[in-house]
């Protein structure tokens, strides 16, 4: 839950802008858009393909880490 209290001498517009910033920083619009429509889970084939590609990316990152 996001709570924003009005500061001394703060206008309503500024308060609203600060609240919007808090909402965006927690990526709430993105999360709600993702949940808006029902999406099927990826098939096992797609899950495995993405896992294999992640392994490749991690291996490349590890090599770069040690090359310094």
Protein backbone atom coordinates (compact mmCIF):
# COMPACT_ATOMS: atom_id res chain seq x y z
CA UNK A 1 0.00 0.00 0.00
CA UNK A 2 1.33 3.42 -0.92
CA UNK A 3 0.69 6.27 1.48
CA UNK A 4 1.61 9.87 0.75
CA UNK A 5 1.03 12.57 3.33
CA UNK A 6 0.74 16.21 2.43
CA UNK A 7 3.75 18.29 3.44
CA UNK A 8 3.55 21.84 4.77
CA UNK A 9 2.89 24.26 1.92
CA UNK A 10 2.61 21.51 -0.69
CA UNK A 11 -0.03 21.92 -3.37
CA UNK A 12 -2.44 19.19 -4.32
CA UNK A 13 -0.91 18.92 -7.77
CA UNK A 14 2.55 18.33 -6.33
CA UNK A 15 1.15 15.74 -3.92
CA UNK A 16 -0.48 13.90 -6.82
CA UNK A 17 2.74 14.01 -8.83
CA UNK A 18 4.68 12.56 -5.88
CA UNK A 19 2.10 9.79 -5.49
CA UNK A 20 2.32 8.97 -9.21
CA UNK A 21 6.10 8.77 -8.91
CA UNK A 22 5.81 6.24 -6.08
CA UNK A 23 3.38 4.14 -8.12
CA UNK A 24 5.63 4.16 -11.19
CA UNK A 25 8.76 3.37 -9.19
CA UNK A 26 7.14 0.17 -7.91
CA UNK A 27 6.17 -0.80 -11.48
CA UNK A 28 2.52 -1.21 -10.50
CA UNK A 29 1.07 -0.20 -13.89
CA UNK A 30 3.25 -2.83 -15.56
CA UNK A 31 2.12 -5.53 -13.12
CA UNK A 32 -1.56 -4.68 -13.53
CA UNK A 33 -1.30 -4.62 -17.32
CA UNK A 34 0.27 -8.07 -17.23
CA UNK A 35 -2.58 -9.40 -15.08
CA UNK A 36 -5.30 -7.74 -17.13
CA UNK A 37 -5.77 -10.63 -19.52
CA UNK A 38 -5.40 -14.32 -18.86
CA UNK A 39 -2.20 -15.66 -20.35
CA UNK A 40 -1.47 -19.33 -20.73
CA UNK A 41 1.66 -20.77 -19.19
CA UNK A 42 4.42 -21.44 -21.70
CA UNK A 43 4.76 -24.99 -22.90
CA UNK A 44 7.56 -27.18 -21.58
CA UNK A 45 9.32 -26.81 -24.90
CA UNK A 46 9.35 -23.01 -24.62
CA UNK A 47 10.37 -23.16 -20.96
CA UNK A 48 13.32 -25.37 -21.80
CA UNK A 49 14.33 -23.17 -24.74
CA UNK A 50 14.34 -20.08 -22.54
CA UNK A 51 16.31 -21.94 -19.85
CA UNK A 52 18.93 -22.96 -22.41
CA UNK A 53 19.25 -19.39 -23.67
CA UNK A 54 19.60 -18.12 -20.08
CA UNK A 55 22.41 -20.59 -19.49
CA UNK A 56 24.17 -19.26 -22.55
CA UNK A 57 23.82 -15.65 -21.39
CA UNK A 58 25.11 -16.56 -17.93
CA UNK A 59 28.13 -18.36 -19.40
CA UNK A 60 28.98 -15.31 -21.52
CA UNK A 61 28.61 -13.01 -18.51
CA UNK A 62 30.85 -15.26 -16.42
CA UNK A 63 33.54 -15.21 -19.12
CA UNK A 64 33.39 -11.42 -19.31
CA UNK A 65 33.66 -11.22 -15.52
CA UNK A 66 36.98 -13.07 -15.48
CA UNK A 67 38.41 -11.32 -18.54
CA UNK A 68 38.20 -8.10 -16.55
